[in-house]
PDB file of N, CA and C in Angstrom:
ATOM      1  N   GLY A   1      72.944  40.195-123.076  1.00  0.00           N
ATOM      2  CA  GLY A   1      73.597  39.279-122.190  1.00  0.00           C
ATOM      3  C   GLY A   1      73.063  37.879-122.416  1.00  0.00           C
ATOM      4  N   SER A   2      73.734  36.940-121.889  1.00  0.00           N
ATOM      5  CA  SER A   2      73.261  35.572-122.045  1.00  0.00           C
ATOM      6  C   SER A   2      73.584  34.751-120.819  1.00  0.00           C
ATOM      7  N   LEU A   3      72.785  33.738-120.610  1.00  0.00           N
ATOM      8  CA  LEU A   3      73.031  32.731-119.594  1.00  0.00           C
ATOM      9  C   LEU A   3      73.464  31.497-120.360  1.00  0.00           C
ATOM     10  N   THR A   4      74.696  31.064-120.174  1.00  0.00           N
ATOM     11  CA  THR A   4      75.180  29.950-120.970  1.00  0.00           C
ATOM     12  C   THR A   4      75.892  28.924-120.117  1.00  0.00           C
ATOM     13  N   HIS A   5      75.535  27.684-120.316  1.00  0.00           N
ATOM     14  CA  HIS A   5      76.140  26.550-119.634  1.00  0.00           C
ATOM     15  C   HIS A   5      76.132  25.375-120.587  1.00  0.00           C
ATOM     16  N   THR A   6      76.996  24.422-120.353  1.00  0.00           N
ATOM     17  CA  THR A   6      76.908  23.204-121.143  1.00  0.00           C
ATOM     18  C   THR A   6      75.997  22.193-120.473  1.00  0.00           C
ATOM     19  N   THR A   7      75.647  22.418-119.199  1.00  0.00           N
ATOM     20  CA  THR A   7      74.688  21.543-118.528  1.00  0.00           C
ATOM     21  C   THR A   7      73.342  22.255-118.447  1.00  0.00           C
ATOM     22  N   VAL A   8      72.278  21.488-118.538  1.00  0.00           N
ATOM     23  CA  VAL A   8      70.925  22.030-118.531  1.00  0.00           C
ATOM     24  C   VAL A   8      70.524  22.397-117.103  1.00  0.00           C
ATOM     25  N   GLU A   9      69.885  23.553-116.966  1.00  0.00           N
ATOM     26  CA  GLU A   9      69.332  23.989-115.694  1.00  0.00           C
ATOM     27  C   GLU A   9      67.896  24.432-115.913  1.00  0.00           C
ATOM     28  N   GLN A  10      67.143  24.529-114.826  1.00  0.00           N
ATOM     29  CA  GLN A  10      65.751  24.971-114.915  1.00  0.00           C
ATOM     30  C   GLN A  10      65.669  26.446-114.522  1.00  0.00           C
ATOM     31  N   TYR A  11      64.994  27.226-115.359  1.00  0.00           N
ATOM     32  CA  TYR A  11      64.822  28.661-115.137  1.00  0.00           C
ATOM     33  C   TYR A  11      63.345  29.000-115.143  1.00  0.00           C
ATOM     34  N   ARG A  12      62.964  29.938-114.297  1.00  0.00           N
ATOM     35  CA  ARG A  12      61.622  30.508-114.327  1.00  0.00           C
ATOM     36  C   ARG A  12      61.711  31.820-115.103  1.00  0.00           C
ATOM     37  N   LEU A  13      60.851  31.958-116.102  1.00  0.00           N
ATOM     38  CA  LEU A  13      60.819  33.159-116.926  1.00  0.00           C
ATOM     39  C   LEU A  13      59.490  33.860-116.734  1.00  0.00           C
ATOM     40  N   HIS A  14      59.545  35.161-116.568  1.00  0.00           N
ATOM     41  CA  HIS A  14      58.352  36.004-116.616  1.00  0.00           C
ATOM     42  C   HIS A  14      58.556  36.921-117.817  1.00  0.00           C
ATOM     43  N   ILE A  15      57.761  36.691-118.853  1.00  0.00           N
ATOM     44  CA  ILE A  15      57.902  37.408-120.114  1.00  0.00           C
ATOM     45  C   ILE A  15      56.652  38.252-120.304  1.00  0.00           C
ATOM     46  N   ASP A  16      56.789  39.572-120.129  1.00  0.00           N
ATOM     47  CA  ASP A  16      55.636  40.485-120.201  1.00  0.00           C
ATOM     48  C   ASP A  16      54.489  39.982-119.333  1.00  0.00           C
ATOM     49  N   GLY A  17      54.825  39.487-118.140  1.00  0.00           N
ATOM     50  CA  GLY A  17      53.814  39.044-117.191  1.00  0.00           C
ATOM     51  C   GLY A  17      53.401  37.590-117.316  1.00  0.00           C
ATOM     52  N   ARG A  18      53.782  36.916-118.398  1.00  0.00           N
ATOM     53  CA  ARG A  18      53.462  35.488-118.570  1.00  0.00           C
ATOM     54  C   ARG A  18      54.575  34.658-117.953  1.00  0.00           C
ATOM     55  N   GLU A  19      54.203  33.680-117.165  1.00  0.00           N
ATOM     56  CA  GLU A  19      55.194  32.839-116.502  1.00  0.00           C
ATOM     57  C   GLU A  19      55.394  31.542-117.270  1.00  0.00           C
ATOM     58  N   SER A  20      56.654  31.110-117.368  1.00  0.00           N
ATOM     59  CA  SER A  20      56.967  29.821-117.982  1.00  0.00           C
ATOM     60  C   SER A  20      58.233  29.269-117.344  1.00  0.00           C
ATOM     61  N   VAL A  21      58.489  28.012-117.621  1.00  0.00           N
ATOM     62  CA  VAL A  21      59.691  27.349-117.130  1.00  0.00           C
ATOM     63  C   VAL A  21      60.475  26.865-118.337  1.00  0.00           C
ATOM     64  N   ALA A  22      61.785  27.091-118.306  1.00  0.00           N
ATOM     65  CA  ALA A  22      62.652  26.621-119.387  1.00  0.00           C
ATOM     66  C   ALA A  22      63.738  25.734-118.804  1.00  0.00           C
ATOM     67  N   GLU A  23      63.916  24.588-119.405  1.00  0.00           N
ATOM     68  CA  GLU A  23      65.039  23.721-119.065  1.00  0.00           C
ATOM     69  C   GLU A  23      66.005  23.814-120.232  1.00  0.00           C
ATOM     70  N   THR A  24      67.123  24.493-119.998  1.00  0.00           N
ATOM     71  CA  THR A  24      68.034  24.821-121.090  1.00  0.00           C
ATOM     72  C   THR A  24      69.434  25.061-120.558  1.00  0.00           C
ATOM     73  N   ASN A  25      70.378  25.185-121.483  1.00  0.00           N
ATOM     74  CA  ASN A  25      71.719  25.612-121.112  1.00  0.00           C
ATOM     75  C   ASN A  25      72.054  26.987-121.685  1.00  0.00           C
ATOM     76  N   THR A  26      71.094  27.612-122.391  1.00  0.00           N
ATOM     77  CA  THR A  26      71.359  28.934-122.963  1.00  0.00           C
ATOM     78  C   THR A  26      70.085  29.766-123.058  1.00  0.00           C
ATOM     79  N   ILE A  27      70.155  30.969-122.486  1.00  0.00           N
ATOM     80  CA  ILE A  27      69.117  31.993-122.658  1.00  0.00           C
ATOM     81  C   ILE A  27      69.839  33.269-123.069  1.00  0.00           C
ATOM     82  N   MET A  28      69.378  33.892-124.140  1.00  0.00           N
ATOM     83  CA  MET A  28      69.965  35.160-124.574  1.00  0.00           C
ATOM     84  C   MET A  28      68.881  36.222-124.599  1.00  0.00           C
ATOM     85  N   ALA A  29      69.191  37.367-123.999  1.00  0.00           N
ATOM     86  CA  ALA A  29      68.302  38.523-124.059  1.00  0.00           C
ATOM     87  C   ALA A  29      69.096  39.661-124.686  1.00  0.00           C
ATOM     88  N   ALA A  30      68.543  40.252-125.735  1.00  0.00           N
ATOM     89  CA  ALA A  30      69.274  41.268-126.484  1.00  0.00           C
ATOM     90  C   ALA A  30      68.459  42.542-126.614  1.00  0.00           C
ATOM     91  N   ASN A  31      69.159  43.665-126.631  1.00  0.00           N
ATOM     92  CA  ASN A  31      68.533  44.938-126.938  1.00  0.00           C
ATOM     93  C   ASN A  31      68.179  44.923-128.419  1.00  0.00           C
ATOM     94  N   ASN A  32      66.911  44.678-128.712  1.00  0.00           N
ATOM     95  CA  ASN A  32      66.375  44.544-130.061  1.00  0.00           C
ATOM     96  C   ASN A  32      66.718  43.181-130.650  1.00  0.00           C
ATOM     97  N   ILE A  33      66.367  42.963-131.893  1.00  0.00           N
ATOM     98  CA  ILE A  33      66.382  41.643-132.503  1.00  0.00           C
ATOM     99  C   ILE A  33      67.617  41.470-133.384  1.00  0.00           C
ATOM    100  N   TYR A  34      68.272  40.308-133.240  1.00  0.00           N
ATOM    101  CA  TYR A  34      69.391  39.985-134.120  1.00  0.00           C
ATOM    102  C   TYR A  34      68.858  39.659-135.500  1.00  0.00           C
ATOM    103  N   GLU A  35      69.510  40.215-136.537  1.00  0.00           N
ATOM    104  CA  GLU A  35      69.046  40.043-137.914  1.00  0.00           C
ATOM    105  C   GLU A  35      70.196  39.675-138.836  1.00  0.00           C
ATOM    106  N   GLY A  36      70.979  38.697-138.448  1.00  0.00           N
ATOM    107  CA  GLY A  36      72.113  38.277-139.260  1.00  0.00           C
ATOM    108  C   GLY A  36      73.401  38.367-138.471  1.00  0.00           C
ATOM    109  N   ALA A  37      74.537  38.296-139.186  1.00  0.00           N
ATOM    110  CA  ALA A  37      75.836  38.362-138.537  1.00  0.00           C
ATOM    111  C   ALA A  37      76.867  38.945-139.491  1.00  0.00           C
ATOM    112  N   GLU A  38      77.866  39.602-138.917  1.00  0.00           N
ATOM    113  CA  GLU A  38      79.022  40.092-139.661  1.00  0.00           C
ATOM    114  C   GLU A  38      80.243  39.803-138.815  1.00  0.00           C
ATOM    115  N   ALA A  39      81.294  39.300-139.442  1.00  0.00           N
ATOM    116  CA  ALA A  39      82.551  38.999-138.753  1.00  0.00           C
ATOM    117  C   ALA A  39      82.321  38.158-137.496  1.00  0.00           C
ATOM    118  N   LEU A  40      81.452  37.155-137.621  1.00  0.00           N
ATOM    119  CA  LEU A  40      81.135  36.213-136.535  1.00  0.00           C
ATOM    120  C   LEU A  40      80.513  36.882-135.314  1.00  0.00           C
ATOM    121  N   ARG A  41      79.779  37.964-135.537  1.00  0.00           N
ATOM    122  CA  ARG A  41      79.045  38.640-134.464  1.00  0.00           C
ATOM    123  C   ARG A  41      77.620  38.888-134.921  1.00  0.00           C
ATOM    124  N   PRO A  42      76.641  38.521-134.073  1.00  0.00           N
ATOM    125  CA  PRO A  42      75.246  38.836-134.426  1.00  0.00           C
ATOM    126  C   PRO A  42      75.072  40.355-134.562  1.00  0.00           C
ATOM    127  N   ILE A  43      74.256  40.770-135.516  1.00  0.00           N
ATOM    128  CA  ILE A  43      74.022  42.199-135.729  1.00  0.00           C
ATOM    129  C   ILE A  43      72.533  42.508-135.661  1.00  0.00           C
ATOM    130  N   ARG A  44      72.242  43.790-135.415  1.00  0.00           N
ATOM    131  CA  ARG A  44      70.866  44.287-135.384  1.00  0.00           C
ATOM    132  C   ARG A  44      70.781  45.475-136.328  1.00  0.00           C
ATOM    133  N   SER A  45      69.644  45.635-136.970  1.00  0.00           N
ATOM    134  CA  SER A  45      69.480  46.771-137.882  1.00  0.00           C
ATOM    135  C   SER A  45      69.198  48.050-137.103  1.00  0.00           C
ATOM    136  N   SER A  46      68.757  47.908-135.855  1.00  0.00           N
ATOM    137  CA  SER A  46      68.425  49.070-135.045  1.00  0.00           C
ATOM    138  C   SER A  46      68.603  48.739-133.570  1.00  0.00           C
ATOM    139  N   LEU A  47      68.957  49.729-132.796  1.00  0.00           N
ATOM    140  CA  LEU A  47      69.061  49.567-131.348  1.00  0.00           C
ATOM    141  C   LEU A  47      67.951  50.303-130.615  1.00  0.00           C
ATOM    142  N   ASP A  48      67.049  50.956-131.352  1.00  0.00           N
ATOM    143  CA  ASP A  48      66.066  51.817-130.693  1.00  0.00           C
ATOM    144  C   ASP A  48      64.610  51.432-130.967  1.00  0.00           C
ATOM    145  N   LYS A  49      64.349  50.163-131.235  1.00  0.00           N
ATOM    146  CA  LYS A  49      62.966  49.739-131.480  1.00  0.00           C
ATOM    147  C   LYS A  49      62.195  49.505-130.190  1.00  0.00           C
ATOM    148  N   GLY A  50      62.895  49.472-129.064  1.00  0.00           N
ATOM    149  CA  GLY A  50      62.212  49.336-127.785  1.00  0.00           C
ATOM    150  C   GLY A  50      61.723  47.932-127.482  1.00  0.00           C
ATOM    151  N   VAL A  51      62.438  46.899-127.948  1.00  0.00           N
ATOM    152  CA  VAL A  51      62.057  45.523-127.647  1.00  0.00           C
ATOM    153  C   VAL A  51      63.273  44.746-127.152  1.00  0.00           C
ATOM    154  N   ILE A  52      62.987  43.688-126.415  1.00  0.00           N
ATOM    155  CA  ILE A  52      64.009  42.737-126.005  1.00  0.00           C
ATOM    156  C   ILE A  52      63.848  41.517-126.896  1.00  0.00           C
ATOM    157  N   GLY A  53      64.910  41.126-127.569  1.00  0.00           N
ATOM    158  CA  GLY A  53      64.901  39.879-128.326  1.00  0.00           C
ATOM    159  C   GLY A  53      65.276  38.762-127.364  1.00  0.00           C
ATOM    160  N   LEU A  54      64.375  37.800-127.174  1.00  0.00           N
ATOM    161  CA  LEU A  54      64.600  36.708-126.236  1.00  0.00           C
ATOM    162  C   LEU A  54      64.794  35.408-127.011  1.00  0.00           C
ATOM    163  N   TYR A  55      65.931  34.758-126.776  1.00  0.00           N
ATOM    164  CA  TYR A  55      66.291  33.523-127.458  1.00  0.00           C
ATOM    165  C   TYR A  55      66.531  32.451-126.395  1.00  0.00           C
ATOM    166  N   VAL A  56      65.670  31.454-126.355  1.00  0.00           N
ATOM    167  CA  VAL A  56      65.789  30.361-125.384  1.00  0.00           C
ATOM    168  C   VAL A  56      66.109  29.089-126.155  1.00  0.00           C
ATOM    169  N   ALA A  57      67.264  28.522-125.858  1.00  0.00           N
ATOM    170  CA  ALA A  57      67.692  27.318-126.563  1.00  0.00           C
ATOM    171  C   ALA A  57      66.994  26.094-125.989  1.00  0.00           C
ATOM    172  N   SER A  58      66.632  25.180-126.866  1.00  0.00           N
ATOM    173  CA  SER A  58      66.071  23.907-126.417  1.00  0.00           C
ATOM    174  C   SER A  58      67.179  22.865-126.349  1.00  0.00           C
ATOM    175  N   SER A  59      68.398  23.330-126.212  1.00  0.00           N
ATOM    176  CA  SER A  59      69.545  22.440-126.190  1.00  0.00           C
ATOM    177  C   SER A  59      69.655  21.700-124.866  1.00  0.00           C
ATOM    178  N   SER A  60      70.177  20.486-124.944  1.00  0.00           N
ATOM    179  CA  SER A  60      70.286  19.668-123.748  1.00  0.00           C
ATOM    180  C   SER A  60      71.654  19.015-123.607  1.00  0.00           C
ATOM    181  N   SER A  61      72.598  19.395-124.465  1.00  0.00           N
ATOM    182  CA  SER A  61      73.926  18.790-124.401  1.00  0.00           C
ATOM    183  C   SER A  61      74.975  19.819-124.796  1.00  0.00           C
ATOM    184  N   ALA A  62      76.227  19.461-124.586  1.00  0.00           N
ATOM    185  CA  ALA A  62      77.322  20.342-124.997  1.00  0.00           C
ATOM    186  C   ALA A  62      77.323  20.531-126.509  1.00  0.00           C
ATOM    187  N   LEU A  63      76.999  19.471-127.261  1.00  0.00           N
ATOM    188  CA  LEU A  63      76.938  19.585-128.723  1.00  0.00           C
ATOM    189  C   LEU A  63      75.841  20.557-129.143  1.00  0.00           C
ATOM    190  N   ASP A  64      74.673  20.489-128.503  1.00  0.00           N
ATOM    191  CA  ASP A  64      73.599  21.449-128.792  1.00  0.00           C
ATOM    192  C   ASP A  64      74.049  22.868-128.475  1.00  0.00           C
ATOM    193  N   PHE A  65      74.785  23.022-127.363  1.00  0.00           N
ATOM    194  CA  PHE A  65      75.294  24.345-126.989  1.00  0.00           C
ATOM    195  C   PHE A  65      76.207  24.889-128.088  1.00  0.00           C
ATOM    196  N   ILE A  66      77.088  24.057-128.608  1.00  0.00           N
ATOM    197  CA  ILE A  66      78.004  24.484-129.669  1.00  0.00           C
ATOM    198  C   ILE A  66      77.223  24.816-130.936  1.00  0.00           C
ATOM    199  N   THR A  67      76.188  24.044-131.247  1.00  0.00           N
ATOM    200  CA  THR A  67      75.342  24.320-132.411  1.00  0.00           C
ATOM    201  C   THR A  67      74.632  25.660-132.241  1.00  0.00           C
ATOM    202  N   THR A  68      74.122  25.915-131.044  1.00  0.00           N
ATOM    203  CA  THR A  68      73.458  27.193-130.767  1.00  0.00           C
ATOM    204  C   THR A  68      74.441  28.351-130.919  1.00  0.00           C
ATOM    205  N   LEU A  69      75.641  28.194-130.390  1.00  0.00           N
ATOM    206  CA  LEU A  69      76.675  29.219-130.527  1.00  0.00           C
ATOM    207  C   LEU A  69      77.003  29.453-131.995  1.00  0.00           C
ATOM    208  N   SER A  70      77.106  28.383-132.765  1.00  0.00           N
ATOM    209  CA  SER A  70      77.366  28.496-134.195  1.00  0.00           C
ATOM    210  C   SER A  70      76.238  29.256-134.895  1.00  0.00           C
ATOM    211  N   ASP A  71      74.987  28.944-134.536  1.00  0.00           N
ATOM    212  CA  ASP A  71      73.849  29.667-135.114  1.00  0.00           C
ATOM    213  C   ASP A  71      73.922  31.156-134.789  1.00  0.00           C
ATOM    214  N   ALA A  72      74.381  31.486-133.593  1.00  0.00           N
ATOM    215  CA  ALA A  72      74.479  32.896-133.195  1.00  0.00           C
ATOM    216  C   ALA A  72      75.528  33.635-134.023  1.00  0.00           C
ATOM    217  N   VAL A  73      76.726  33.058-134.152  1.00  0.00           N
ATOM    218  CA  VAL A  73      77.807  33.772-134.839  1.00  0.00           C
ATOM    219  C   VAL A  73      77.649  33.779-136.354  1.00  0.00           C
ATOM    220  N   THR A  74      76.777  32.916-136.889  1.00  0.00           N
ATOM    221  CA  THR A  74      76.535  32.927-138.331  1.00  0.00           C
ATOM    222  C   THR A  74      75.240  33.646-138.701  1.00  0.00           C
ATOM    223  N   GLY A  75      74.543  34.199-137.699  1.00  0.00           N
ATOM    224  CA  GLY A  75      73.332  34.965-137.973  1.00  0.00           C
ATOM    225  C   GLY A  75      72.101  34.132-138.209  1.00  0.00           C
ATOM    226  N   ASN A  76      72.093  32.893-137.729  1.00  0.00           N
ATOM    227  CA  ASN A  76      70.960  32.002-137.980  1.00  0.00           C
ATOM    228  C   ASN A  76      70.104  31.739-136.744  1.00  0.00           C
ATOM    229  N   LEU A  77      70.089  32.653-135.796  1.00  0.00           N
ATOM    230  CA  LEU A  77      69.303  32.441-134.579  1.00  0.00           C
ATOM    231  C   LEU A  77      67.820  32.290-134.874  1.00  0.00           C
ATOM    232  N   ALA A  78      67.288  33.149-135.724  1.00  0.00           N
ATOM    233  CA  ALA A  78      65.847  33.130-135.990  1.00  0.00           C
ATOM    234  C   ALA A  78      65.396  31.835-136.660  1.00  0.00           C
ATOM    235  N   SER A  79      66.267  31.220-137.447  1.00  0.00           N
ATOM    236  CA  SER A  79      65.884  30.000-138.163  1.00  0.00           C
ATOM    237  C   SER A  79      66.395  28.725-137.489  1.00  0.00           C
ATOM    238  N   SER A  80      67.070  28.860-136.362  1.00  0.00           N
ATOM    239  CA  SER A  80      67.630  27.701-135.679  1.00  0.00           C
ATOM    240  C   SER A  80      66.532  26.791-135.133  1.00  0.00           C
ATOM    241  N   GLU A  81      66.701  25.502-135.333  1.00  0.00           N
ATOM    242  CA  GLU A  81      65.752  24.525-134.790  1.00  0.00           C
ATOM    243  C   GLU A  81      65.870  24.415-133.277  1.00  0.00           C
ATOM    244  N   LEU A  82      66.972  24.910-132.709  1.00  0.00           N
ATOM    245  CA  LEU A  82      67.210  24.797-131.277  1.00  0.00           C
ATOM    246  C   LEU A  82      66.824  26.054-130.496  1.00  0.00           C
ATOM    247  N   ILE A  83      66.297  27.077-131.175  1.00  0.00           N
ATOM    248  CA  ILE A  83      66.000  28.351-130.523  1.00  0.00           C
ATOM    249  C   ILE A  83      64.511  28.653-130.562  1.00  0.00           C
ATOM    250  N   ASP A  84      63.971  29.006-129.391  1.00  0.00           N
ATOM    251  CA  ASP A  84      62.605  29.528-129.285  1.00  0.00           C
ATOM    252  C   ASP A  84      62.744  31.038-129.145  1.00  0.00           C
ATOM    253  N   PHE A  85      62.311  31.779-130.157  1.00  0.00           N
ATOM    254  CA  PHE A  85      62.485  33.234-130.198  1.00  0.00           C
ATOM    255  C   PHE A  85      61.183  33.948-129.846  1.00  0.00           C
ATOM    256  N   SER A  86      61.301  35.026-129.084  1.00  0.00           N
ATOM    257  CA  SER A  86      60.153  35.902-128.842  1.00  0.00           C
ATOM    258  C   SER A  86      60.648  37.321-128.583  1.00  0.00           C
ATOM    259  N   GLU A  87      59.724  38.256-128.667  1.00  0.00           N
ATOM    260  CA  GLU A  87      60.006  39.653-128.349  1.00  0.00           C
ATOM    261  C   GLU A  87      59.226  40.019-127.100  1.00  0.00           C
ATOM    262  N   CYS A  88      59.784  40.902-126.294  1.00  0.00           N
ATOM    263  CA  CYS A  88      59.059  41.347-125.107  1.00  0.00           C
ATOM    264  C   CYS A  88      59.536  42.732-124.694  1.00  0.00           C
ATOM    265  N   LYS A  89      58.851  43.299-123.719  1.00  0.00           N
ATOM    266  CA  LYS A  89      59.228  44.590-123.129  1.00  0.00           C
ATOM    267  C   LYS A  89      59.815  44.408-121.737  1.00  0.00           C
ATOM    268  N   LYS A  90      59.355  43.357-121.026  1.00  0.00           N
ATOM    269  CA  LYS A  90      59.826  43.068-119.671  1.00  0.00           C
ATOM    270  C   LYS A  90      60.169  41.592-119.567  1.00  0.00           C
ATOM    271  N   LEU A  91      61.270  41.322-118.871  1.00  0.00           N
ATOM    272  CA  LEU A  91      61.729  39.952-118.706  1.00  0.00           C
ATOM    273  C   LEU A  91      62.330  39.782-117.318  1.00  0.00           C
ATOM    274  N   SER A  92      61.999  38.675-116.680  1.00  0.00           N
ATOM    275  CA  SER A  92      62.614  38.292-115.413  1.00  0.00           C
ATOM    276  C   SER A  92      63.042  36.839-115.530  1.00  0.00           C
ATOM    277  N   VAL A  93      64.288  36.557-115.137  1.00  0.00           N
ATOM    278  CA  VAL A  93      64.828  35.199-115.171  1.00  0.00           C
ATOM    279  C   VAL A  93      65.295  34.859-113.773  1.00  0.00           C
ATOM    280  N   SER A  94      64.849  33.706-113.266  1.00  0.00           N
ATOM    281  CA  SER A  94      65.265  33.304-111.921  1.00  0.00           C
ATOM    282  C   SER A  94      65.520  31.807-111.881  1.00  0.00           C
ATOM    283  N   THR A  95      66.225  31.399-110.843  1.00  0.00           N
ATOM    284  CA  THR A  95      66.540  29.999-110.614  1.00  0.00           C
ATOM    285  C   THR A  95      66.576  29.746-109.111  1.00  0.00           C
ATOM    286  N   ASP A  96      66.386  28.516-108.721  1.00  0.00           N
ATOM    287  CA  ASP A  96      66.380  28.173-107.298  1.00  0.00           C
ATOM    288  C   ASP A  96      67.758  28.260-106.655  1.00  0.00           C
ATOM    289  N   SER A  97      68.819  28.278-107.443  1.00  0.00           N
ATOM    290  CA  SER A  97      70.167  28.296-106.881  1.00  0.00           C
ATOM    291  C   SER A  97      70.520  29.624-106.209  1.00  0.00           C
ATOM    292  N   GLY A  98      69.756  30.687-106.490  1.00  0.00           N
ATOM    293  CA  GLY A  98      70.017  31.977-105.869  1.00  0.00           C
ATOM    294  C   GLY A  98      70.945  32.882-106.656  1.00  0.00           C
ATOM    295  N   TYR A  99      71.568  32.356-107.699  1.00  0.00           N
ATOM    296  CA  TYR A  99      72.425  33.175-108.539  1.00  0.00           C
ATOM    297  C   TYR A  99      72.372  32.653-109.976  1.00  0.00           C
ATOM    298  N   LEU A 100      72.780  33.506-110.908  1.00  0.00           N
ATOM    299  CA  LEU A 100      72.797  33.135-112.323  1.00  0.00           C
ATOM    300  C   LEU A 100      74.176  33.454-112.888  1.00  0.00           C
ATOM    301  N   SER A 101      74.753  32.507-113.614  1.00  0.00           N
ATOM    302  CA  SER A 101      76.002  32.755-114.336  1.00  0.00           C
ATOM    303  C   SER A 101      75.622  33.411-115.655  1.00  0.00           C
ATOM    304  N   VAL A 102      76.151  34.602-115.900  1.00  0.00           N
ATOM    305  CA  VAL A 102      75.764  35.363-117.085  1.00  0.00           C
ATOM    306  C   VAL A 102      76.995  35.883-117.818  1.00  0.00           C
ATOM    307  N   THR A 103      76.771  36.274-119.049  1.00  0.00           N
ATOM    308  CA  THR A 103      77.765  36.986-119.831  1.00  0.00           C
ATOM    309  C   THR A 103      77.110  38.265-120.314  1.00  0.00           C
ATOM    310  N   ILE A 104      77.700  39.396-119.957  1.00  0.00           N
ATOM    311  CA  ILE A 104      77.179  40.695-120.387  1.00  0.00           C
ATOM    312  C   ILE A 104      78.274  41.382-121.184  1.00  0.00           C
ATOM    313  N   ASP A 105      77.995  41.640-122.451  1.00  0.00           N
ATOM    314  CA  ASP A 105      78.971  42.243-123.363  1.00  0.00           C
ATOM    315  C   ASP A 105      80.314  41.528-123.304  1.00  0.00           C
ATOM    316  N   GLY A 106      80.262  40.187-123.249  1.00  0.00           N
ATOM    317  CA  GLY A 106      81.471  39.384-123.276  1.00  0.00           C
ATOM    318  C   GLY A 106      82.131  39.150-121.928  1.00  0.00           C
ATOM    319  N   GLU A 107      81.613  39.753-120.879  1.00  0.00           N
ATOM    320  CA  GLU A 107      82.180  39.596-119.538  1.00  0.00           C
ATOM    321  C   GLU A 107      81.385  38.576-118.746  1.00  0.00           C
ATOM    322  N   ALA A 108      82.035  37.491-118.310  1.00  0.00           N
ATOM    323  CA  ALA A 108      81.375  36.461-117.511  1.00  0.00           C
ATOM    324  C   ALA A 108      81.309  36.913-116.056  1.00  0.00           C
ATOM    325  N   MET A 109      80.153  36.685-115.423  1.00  0.00           N
ATOM    326  CA  MET A 109      79.972  37.059-114.024  1.00  0.00           C
ATOM    327  C   MET A 109      78.797  36.286-113.442  1.00  0.00           C
ATOM    328  N   GLU A 110      78.636  36.358-112.139  1.00  0.00           N
ATOM    329  CA  GLU A 110      77.472  35.783-111.471  1.00  0.00           C
ATOM    330  C   GLU A 110      76.669  36.920-110.863  1.00  0.00           C
ATOM    331  N   LEU A 111      75.350  36.856-111.043  1.00  0.00           N
ATOM    332  CA  LEU A 111      74.450  37.864-110.502  1.00  0.00           C
ATOM    333  C   LEU A 111      73.392  37.177-109.652  1.00  0.00           C
ATOM    334  N   PRO A 112      72.897  37.871-108.631  1.00  0.00           N
ATOM    335  CA  PRO A 112      71.836  37.270-107.814  1.00  0.00           C
ATOM    336  C   PRO A 112      70.551  37.114-108.622  1.00  0.00           C
ATOM    337  N   SER A 113      69.830  36.043-108.310  1.00  0.00           N
ATOM    338  CA  SER A 113      68.552  35.759-108.949  1.00  0.00           C
ATOM    339  C   SER A 113      67.454  36.483-108.175  1.00  0.00           C
ATOM    340  N   PRO A 114      66.484  37.084-108.845  1.00  0.00           N
ATOM    341  CA  PRO A 114      66.235  37.090-110.287  1.00  0.00           C
ATOM    342  C   PRO A 114      66.988  38.224-110.982  1.00  0.00           C
ATOM    343  N   ILE A 115      67.086  38.098-112.308  1.00  0.00           N
ATOM    344  CA  ILE A 115      67.570  39.185-113.148  1.00  0.00           C
ATOM    345  C   ILE A 115      66.347  39.760-113.841  1.00  0.00           C
ATOM    346  N   ASN A 116      66.156  41.060-113.696  1.00  0.00           N
ATOM    347  CA  ASN A 116      65.008  41.743-114.292  1.00  0.00           C
ATOM    348  C   ASN A 116      65.500  42.694-115.372  1.00  0.00           C
ATOM    349  N   VAL A 117      64.864  42.632-116.532  1.00  0.00           N
ATOM    350  CA  VAL A 117      65.228  43.475-117.664  1.00  0.00           C
ATOM    351  C   VAL A 117      63.960  44.126-118.187  1.00  0.00           C
ATOM    352  N   GLU A 118      64.061  45.411-118.474  1.00  0.00           N
ATOM    353  CA  GLU A 118      62.916  46.135-119.052  1.00  0.00           C
ATOM    354  C   GLU A 118      63.442  47.129-120.068  1.00  0.00           C
ATOM    355  N   THR A 119      62.745  47.252-121.168  1.00  0.00           N
ATOM    356  CA  THR A 119      63.139  48.234-122.166  1.00  0.00           C
ATOM    357  C   THR A 119      62.203  49.435-122.076  1.00  0.00           C
ATOM    358  N   ARG A 120      62.771  50.580-122.278  1.00  0.00           N
ATOM    359  CA  ARG A 120      61.982  51.823-122.316  1.00  0.00           C
ATOM    360  C   ARG A 120      62.302  52.516-123.625  1.00  0.00           C
ATOM    361  N   HIS A 121      61.373  52.423-124.539  1.00  0.00           N
ATOM    362  CA  HIS A 121      61.565  52.939-125.896  1.00  0.00           C
ATOM    363  C   HIS A 121      61.971  54.407-125.871  1.00  0.00           C
ATOM    364  N   LYS A 122      63.129  54.688-126.496  1.00  0.00           N
ATOM    365  CA  LYS A 122      63.676  56.040-126.659  1.00  0.00           C
ATOM    366  C   LYS A 122      63.919  56.761-125.329  1.00  0.00           C
ATOM    367  N   ALA A 123      64.197  56.016-124.247  1.00  0.00           N
ATOM    368  CA  ALA A 123      64.468  56.632-122.951  1.00  0.00           C
ATOM    369  C   ALA A 123      65.877  57.216-122.862  1.00  0.00           C
ATOM    370  N   LEU A 124      66.818  56.682-123.620  1.00  0.00           N
ATOM    371  CA  LEU A 124      68.197  57.168-123.587  1.00  0.00           C
ATOM    372  C   LEU A 124      68.366  58.288-124.592  1.00  0.00           C
ATOM    373  N   ARG A 125      68.882  59.399-124.117  1.00  0.00           N
ATOM    374  CA  ARG A 125      69.156  60.549-124.988  1.00  0.00           C
ATOM    375  C   ARG A 125      70.655  60.776-125.002  1.00  0.00           C
ATOM    376  N   VAL A 126      71.200  60.981-126.191  1.00  0.00           N
ATOM    377  CA  VAL A 126      72.625  61.236-126.333  1.00  0.00           C
ATOM    378  C   VAL A 126      72.788  62.601-126.965  1.00  0.00           C
ATOM    379  N   LEU A 127      73.590  63.421-126.303  1.00  0.00           N
ATOM    380  CA  LEU A 127      73.901  64.744-126.839  1.00  0.00           C
ATOM    381  C   LEU A 127      75.315  64.719-127.394  1.00  0.00           C
ATOM    382  N   ALA A 128      75.473  65.154-128.615  1.00  0.00           N
ATOM    383  CA  ALA A 128      76.794  65.185-129.243  1.00  0.00           C
ATOM    384  C   ALA A 128      77.073  66.596-129.745  1.00  0.00           C
ATOM    385  N   PRO A 129      78.311  67.021-129.613  1.00  0.00           N
ATOM    386  CA  PRO A 129      78.651  68.381-130.080  1.00  0.00           C
ATOM    387  C   PRO A 129      78.525  68.515-131.588  1.00  0.00           C
TER     388      PRO A 129
END
């Protein structure tokens, strides 16, 4: 999912227990790490490594937002000058406004603040005939 705006907002992040503040218009949290792109979609080599790929844009304008989006769809997130990348197991994102505008699997919505995300390595089991 991602938090995306063309205007900059202040977010409080708790990343594996470390607290920080980000002033940005884009935060992306992904199940595992993006490692390129195909057909204008970021791709991952694995979905079961048990990490959250956290991408915080240092963008401050609509043009920076478009550049960040371009980096995402061309698979250049890791090398983008506008992205601060990290991996974590637990993430909390909050804002003083009481809600966060998010996109989850392409669906835009608003969720109450904070949003808490945690990965549990190999917790999901799928049975197939």
